[in-house]
Amino acid sequence: MSRCPGRRRSARNAGRHAAAPQGFYLERGATGLTILGILGEATKLTADESRSFVKQVLARVDGRVPVVVGASSPGFAAMGELAQSVMDMGASGVMVAPAASLKTDDQILAYFDMVNETLGAQVPWVLQDHPVSTGVQMSPSVVLKILNSSPSCVMLKHEDSPGLAKLSAIRAASTRGEVRRVSILAGNGGGLFLPEELTRDADGAMTGFAYPEMMVDVCRAHAAGNVDRAHDIFDAYLPLARYEQQSGIGLAVRKHLMVQRGAIASAMVRKPGPKLSAADVADIERLTRRQTRRLGEVQAAI
């Protein structure tokens, strides 16, 4: 995560070591990591692979930053088993999104009552609100009820889109004393609304992008009160961030870029997964060149 200095915040974002991408993120200023999220390839791993991956990441991070592990699962037995396993390994907490089968507010609230029961009082957890992938719409009032009934929920991963009004509503409720203040980290695709979310009092970013330093630098500039510079930095990266968020090939684009940057050794996407065409690669190369030039202009303007 990428968090804004001087704000209340929680773990994840932002990273070269071909076999250790977490080093890539930490070198670029990440103040935490989130792994096994729902938009990567976590769902394609076996349970043993998931635990092995978490173990390797925690060993290499060695306590330098918090690590949150995605534990969303259709079944509570699997959720509880994975959560207990990764907490025993040294994870800082787990992240849970609502199950896709939930249709009503009452079902959502009952589901998270069962999440609390499954995880127990000693496991800090992150509420992931990403209706694009889950199909579950949680209104601000439902989010507030979940937070009020979940003492161990310490963070909201805000990924609704458009979701700026929801973010403002939740922050306003905490100002009025209707709910305790929790960390809110912006997760909208590659940080596509990050400057605006920071202005609405998000604490930082918790999302993926092949250039995590964008989120780190935007957060730092915004926290320092230089909002225009935060927007200038963001604008330089926006075309490539937008390209990386394409439905269908976005993960392949990110892995291609991370290989190019030395973060990982292979751009292979587990089946079923897309492959980039020659035209896709040409697009990426063009956008990368333009981004490099624009970043030089932003730096020269300081």
Protein backbone atom coordinates (compact mmCIF):
# COMPACT_ATOMS: atom_id res chain seq x y z
CA MET A 1 0.00 0.00 0.00
CA SER A 2 0.97 3.54 -0.38
CA ARG A 3 0.08 5.77 2.49
CA CYS A 4 0.17 9.49 2.97
CA PRO A 5 2.67 10.73 5.57
CA GLY A 6 1.06 12.51 8.49
CA ARG A 7 -2.34 10.80 8.10
CA ARG A 8 -3.93 7.88 9.91
CA ARG A 9 -3.47 4.94 7.64
CA SER A 10 -2.91 1.22 7.17
CA ALA A 11 -1.00 -1.18 5.00
CA ARG A 12 -0.16 -1.80 1.23
CA ASN A 13 1.05 -0.61 -2.07
CA ALA A 14 3.82 0.41 -3.85
CA GLY A 15 7.63 -1.83 -5.72
CA ARG A 16 13.15 -5.36 -8.63
CA HIS A 17 14.22 -8.44 -7.78
CA ALA A 18 13.14 -10.87 -10.51
CA ALA A 19 11.92 -13.45 -8.02
CA ALA A 20 10.85 -11.03 -5.30
CA PRO A 21 8.44 -8.33 -6.50
CA GLN A 22 7.87 -7.22 -2.90
CA GLY A 23 11.40 -5.81 -2.96
CA PHE A 24 10.48 -3.83 -6.06
CA TYR A 25 7.52 -2.30 -4.23
CA LEU A 26 9.40 -1.53 -1.02
CA GLU A 27 12.25 0.13 -2.91
CA ARG A 28 9.68 2.47 -4.45
CA GLY A 29 8.25 3.57 -1.13
CA ALA A 30 5.48 1.13 -0.28
CA THR A 31 4.49 1.34 3.37
CA GLY A 32 2.68 -1.98 3.28
CA LEU A 33 1.74 -4.86 0.99
CA THR A 34 -1.52 -6.59 0.17
CA ILE A 35 -1.28 -10.03 -1.40
CA LEU A 36 -3.77 -12.62 -2.70
CA GLY A 37 -6.24 -9.95 -3.74
CA ILE A 38 -9.26 -10.74 -5.88
CA LEU A 39 -8.09 -9.11 -9.13
CA GLY A 40 -4.80 -10.93 -9.57
CA GLU A 41 -4.25 -14.67 -9.91
CA ALA A 42 -4.99 -15.67 -6.32
CA THR A 43 -8.13 -17.53 -7.36
CA LYS A 44 -6.01 -19.73 -9.65
CA LEU A 45 -3.78 -20.95 -6.80
CA THR A 46 -4.30 -24.07 -4.76
CA ALA A 47 -4.59 -23.69 -0.98
CA ASP A 48 -1.03 -25.02 -0.57
CA GLU A 49 0.28 -22.59 -3.18
CA SER A 50 -1.44 -19.69 -1.44
CA ARG A 51 0.13 -20.53 1.92
CA SER A 52 3.55 -21.10 0.34
CA PHE A 53 3.38 -17.74 -1.41
CA VAL A 54 2.39 -15.92 1.78
CA LYS A 55 5.20 -17.61 3.67
CA GLN A 56 7.77 -16.50 1.10
CA VAL A 57 6.54 -12.91 1.05
CA LEU A 58 6.50 -12.62 4.83
CA ALA A 59 10.01 -14.06 5.06
CA ARG A 60 11.38 -11.59 2.52
CA VAL A 61 9.55 -8.60 3.98
CA ASP A 62 10.80 -9.62 7.44
CA GLY A 63 8.57 -7.23 9.34
CA ARG A 64 9.64 -4.08 7.49
CA VAL A 65 6.05 -3.21 6.55
CA PRO A 66 2.59 -4.60 7.37
CA VAL A 67 1.33 -7.35 5.07
CA VAL A 68 -2.42 -7.89 4.55
CA VAL A 69 -3.55 -11.17 2.98
CA GLY A 70 -6.74 -11.61 0.97
CA ALA A 71 -8.89 -14.27 2.61
CA SER A 72 -12.15 -13.92 0.67
CA SER A 73 -13.78 -17.28 0.05
CA PRO A 74 -17.21 -18.67 -0.80
CA GLY A 75 -16.98 -20.81 2.34
CA PHE A 76 -16.20 -19.78 5.90
CA ALA A 77 -14.21 -22.92 6.68
CA ALA A 78 -11.67 -22.08 3.98
CA MET A 79 -11.65 -18.41 5.03
CA GLY A 80 -11.02 -19.25 8.66
CA GLU A 81 -8.33 -21.81 7.87
CA LEU A 82 -6.39 -19.46 5.60
CA ALA A 83 -6.76 -16.51 7.99
CA GLN A 84 -5.47 -18.49 10.96
CA SER A 85 -2.61 -19.90 8.90
CA VAL A 86 -1.35 -16.55 7.60
CA MET A 87 -1.75 -14.84 10.99
CA ASP A 88 0.36 -17.59 12.55
CA MET A 89 2.99 -16.88 9.86
CA GLY A 90 3.10 -13.19 10.84
CA ALA A 91 0.60 -11.42 8.59
CA SER A 92 -0.76 -8.13 9.92
CA GLY A 93 -4.35 -8.89 8.97
CA VAL A 94 -6.63 -10.27 6.30
CA MET A 95 -8.94 -8.75 3.71
CA VAL A 96 -12.49 -9.91 3.04
CA ALA A 97 -14.93 -8.98 0.27
CA PRO A 98 -18.63 -9.88 0.30
CA ALA A 99 -19.63 -13.12 -1.41
CA ALA A 100 -21.12 -12.70 -4.87
CA SER A 101 -24.33 -14.45 -3.81
CA LEU A 102 -25.41 -11.62 -1.49
CA LYS A 103 -28.34 -9.62 -2.83
CA THR A 104 -29.94 -7.67 0.04
CA ASP A 105 -28.68 -5.42 2.82
CA ASP A 106 -29.81 -7.94 5.41
CA GLN A 107 -27.86 -10.70 3.67
CA ILE A 108 -24.73 -8.55 3.53
CA LEU A 109 -24.96 -7.65 7.23
CA ALA A 110 -25.56 -11.27 8.22
CA TYR A 111 -22.61 -12.36 6.10
CA PHE A 112 -20.22 -10.02 7.87
CA ASP A 113 -21.56 -11.10 11.25
CA MET A 114 -20.38 -14.56 10.21
CA VAL A 115 -17.04 -13.10 9.06
CA ASN A 116 -16.54 -11.67 12.55
CA GLU A 117 -17.43 -15.00 14.10
CA THR A 118 -15.11 -16.88 11.76
CA LEU A 119 -12.08 -14.62 12.16
CA GLY A 120 -12.50 -13.95 15.88
CA ALA A 121 -11.67 -10.85 17.86
CA GLN A 122 -7.89 -11.20 17.50
CA VAL A 123 -7.66 -10.98 13.70
CA PRO A 124 -7.63 -7.44 12.24
CA TRP A 125 -9.41 -7.38 8.91
CA VAL A 126 -10.00 -5.11 5.94
CA LEU A 127 -13.44 -4.64 4.39
CA GLN A 128 -13.03 -4.76 0.61
CA ASP A 129 -15.74 -2.91 -1.29
CA HIS A 130 -15.32 -3.74 -4.97
CA PRO A 131 -18.75 -4.18 -6.57
CA VAL A 132 -17.32 -4.40 -10.10
CA SER A 133 -15.82 -7.80 -9.27
CA THR A 134 -18.20 -9.05 -6.56
CA GLY A 135 -21.47 -7.71 -7.96
CA VAL A 136 -22.42 -6.68 -4.43
CA GLN A 137 -23.47 -3.09 -3.84
CA MET A 138 -22.88 -1.86 -0.29
CA SER A 139 -24.45 1.52 0.43
CA PRO A 140 -22.75 3.93 2.85
CA SER A 141 -25.32 3.03 5.51
CA VAL A 142 -24.50 -0.69 5.13
CA VAL A 143 -20.75 -0.02 5.34
CA LEU A 144 -21.32 2.02 8.51
CA LYS A 145 -23.37 -0.79 10.06
CA ILE A 146 -20.64 -3.31 9.24
CA LEU A 147 -18.00 -1.09 10.82
CA ASN A 148 -20.08 -0.52 13.93
CA SER A 149 -20.68 -4.25 14.39
CA SER A 150 -17.09 -5.25 13.60
CA PRO A 151 -14.56 -4.01 16.19
CA SER A 152 -11.76 -5.92 14.44
CA CYS A 153 -12.41 -4.29 11.06
CA VAL A 154 -9.64 -1.71 10.93
CA MET A 155 -9.73 -0.54 7.32
CA LEU A 156 -11.98 -0.01 4.33
CA LYS A 157 -10.55 -0.74 0.90
CA HIS A 158 -12.62 1.71 -1.10
CA GLU A 159 -13.09 0.46 -4.67
CA ASP A 160 -16.61 1.49 -5.61
CA SER A 161 -16.73 3.47 -8.85
CA PRO A 162 -17.96 6.10 -8.96
CA GLY A 163 -17.40 6.14 -5.23
CA LEU A 164 -16.34 9.64 -4.21
CA ALA A 165 -19.74 10.42 -2.69
CA LYS A 166 -19.61 7.19 -0.68
CA LEU A 167 -16.15 8.04 0.63
CA SER A 168 -17.34 11.51 1.66
CA ALA A 169 -20.43 10.07 3.37
CA ILE A 170 -18.38 7.63 5.43
CA ARG A 171 -15.92 10.31 6.48
CA ALA A 172 -18.77 12.67 7.38
CA ALA A 173 -20.33 9.97 9.55
CA SER A 174 -17.11 9.52 11.50
CA THR A 175 -16.84 13.31 11.95
CA ARG A 176 -20.36 13.29 13.43
CA GLY A 177 -19.37 10.46 15.77
CA GLU A 178 -21.68 7.90 14.16
CA VAL A 179 -18.82 5.49 13.54
CA ARG A 180 -15.22 5.26 14.69
CA ARG A 181 -12.64 6.54 12.24
CA VAL A 182 -10.98 3.73 10.31
CA SER A 183 -8.31 3.88 7.67
CA ILE A 184 -9.66 4.20 4.13
CA LEU A 185 -7.31 3.26 1.33
CA ALA A 186 -8.29 3.96 -2.26
CA GLY A 187 -8.32 0.93 -4.52
CA ASN A 188 -10.00 2.10 -7.70
CA GLY A 189 -8.22 0.49 -10.65
CA GLY A 190 -4.59 1.50 -10.53
CA GLY A 191 -5.45 4.64 -8.57
CA LEU A 192 -7.50 6.20 -11.39
CA PHE A 193 -9.22 8.60 -8.97
CA LEU A 194 -6.42 8.87 -6.40
CA PRO A 195 -6.00 12.68 -6.23
CA GLU A 196 -9.75 13.18 -5.80
CA GLU A 197 -9.96 10.38 -3.22
CA LEU A 198 -7.16 11.96 -1.21
CA THR A 199 -9.02 15.27 -1.30
CA ARG A 200 -12.06 13.40 0.08
CA ASP A 201 -9.82 12.28 3.00
CA ALA A 202 -8.70 8.83 1.94
CA ASP A 203 -5.52 7.86 3.78
CA GLY A 204 -3.60 6.51 0.82
CA ALA A 205 -3.70 3.92 -1.95
CA MET A 206 -4.16 0.16 -1.86
CA THR A 207 -4.19 -0.99 -5.45
CA GLY A 208 -2.00 -2.37 -8.19
CA PHE A 209 -0.08 -0.58 -10.91
CA ALA A 210 3.22 -1.41 -12.58
CA TYR A 211 4.51 2.01 -11.44
CA PRO A 212 3.73 2.02 -7.70
CA GLU A 213 5.94 5.08 -7.26
CA MET A 214 3.13 7.06 -8.86
CA MET A 215 0.89 6.41 -5.87
CA VAL A 216 3.69 6.99 -3.40
CA ASP A 217 4.64 10.34 -4.95
CA VAL A 218 1.04 11.51 -5.36
CA CYS A 219 0.31 10.69 -1.71
CA ARG A 220 3.45 12.44 -0.51
CA ALA A 221 2.76 15.57 -2.52
CA HIS A 222 -0.85 15.68 -1.39
CA ALA A 223 0.07 15.16 2.27
CA ALA A 224 2.58 18.01 1.98
CA GLY A 225 -0.22 20.30 0.83
CA ASN A 226 0.98 20.50 -2.77
CA VAL A 227 -2.23 19.34 -4.39
CA ASP A 228 -1.40 20.75 -7.83
CA ARG A 229 1.88 18.83 -7.90
CA ALA A 230 0.03 15.68 -6.85
CA HIS A 231 -2.24 16.13 -9.86
CA ASP A 232 0.69 16.86 -12.19
CA ILE A 233 2.44 13.64 -11.16
CA PHE A 234 -0.79 11.68 -11.50
CA ASP A 235 -1.51 13.15 -14.93
CA ALA A 236 1.87 12.00 -16.24
CA TYR A 237 1.06 8.37 -15.41
CA LEU A 238 -2.65 8.41 -16.24
CA PRO A 239 -2.54 7.19 -19.88
CA LEU A 240 -0.56 4.08 -18.98
CA ALA A 241 -2.58 3.49 -15.80
CA ARG A 242 -5.75 3.68 -17.88
CA TYR A 243 -4.34 1.25 -20.45
CA GLU A 244 -3.40 -1.19 -17.71
CA GLN A 245 -6.98 -1.21 -16.43
CA GLN A 246 -8.49 -2.68 -19.58
CA SER A 247 -10.92 -5.48 -18.94
CA GLY A 248 -9.56 -8.79 -20.12
CA ILE A 249 -5.91 -7.95 -20.78
CA GLY A 250 -5.11 -5.65 -17.85
CA LEU A 251 -3.26 -8.27 -15.83
CA ALA A 252 -1.20 -9.28 -18.87
CA VAL A 253 -0.30 -5.61 -19.44
CA ARG A 254 0.82 -5.20 -15.84
CA LYS A 255 2.92 -8.36 -15.86
CA HIS A 256 4.53 -7.34 -19.17
CA LEU A 257 5.49 -3.98 -17.68
CA MET A 258 6.78 -5.56 -14.47
CA VAL A 259 9.03 -7.88 -16.47
CA GLN A 260 10.30 -4.87 -18.40
CA ARG A 261 11.01 -3.12 -15.09
CA GLY A 262 12.83 -6.12 -13.60
CA ALA A 263 10.21 -6.80 -10.92
CA ILE A 264 9.32 -10.34 -12.01
CA ALA A 265 10.94 -12.94 -14.22
CA SER A 266 7.97 -14.05 -16.31
CA ALA A 267 4.92 -12.35 -17.81
CA MET A 268 3.00 -15.62 -18.10
CA VAL A 269 -0.62 -15.41 -16.96
CA ARG A 270 -2.09 -18.61 -15.55
CA LYS A 271 -4.79 -20.22 -17.66
CA PRO A 272 -7.40 -19.10 -18.36
CA GLY A 273 -5.65 -15.87 -19.20
CA PRO A 274 -4.96 -13.44 -22.03
CA LYS A 275 -1.90 -12.93 -24.20
CA LEU A 276 -0.77 -9.58 -25.54
CA SER A 277 -0.71 -9.00 -29.28
CA ALA A 278 2.08 -7.21 -31.13
CA ALA A 279 -0.21 -4.19 -31.35
CA ASP A 280 -0.73 -4.25 -27.57
CA VAL A 281 3.03 -4.29 -26.98
CA ALA A 282 3.49 -1.40 -29.40
CA ASP A 283 0.84 0.59 -27.53
CA ILE A 284 2.61 -0.06 -24.23
CA GLU A 285 5.99 0.99 -25.60
CA ARG A 286 4.55 4.21 -26.98
CA LEU A 287 2.77 5.06 -23.73
CA THR A 288 5.89 4.29 -21.70
CA ARG A 289 8.03 6.61 -23.84
CA ARG A 290 5.49 9.40 -23.52
CA GLN A 291 5.24 8.85 -19.78
CA THR A 292 9.01 9.10 -19.37
CA ARG A 293 9.08 12.33 -21.32
CA ARG A 294 6.19 13.84 -19.38
CA LEU A 295 7.73 12.90 -16.02
CA GLY A 296 10.90 14.71 -17.07
CA GLU A 297 8.84 17.81 -17.81
CA VAL A 298 7.10 17.62 -14.43
CA GLN A 299 10.44 17.26 -12.66
CA ALA A 300 11.93 20.17 -14.60
CA ALA A 301 9.03 22.37 -13.56
CA ILE A 302 9.83 22.11 -9.83
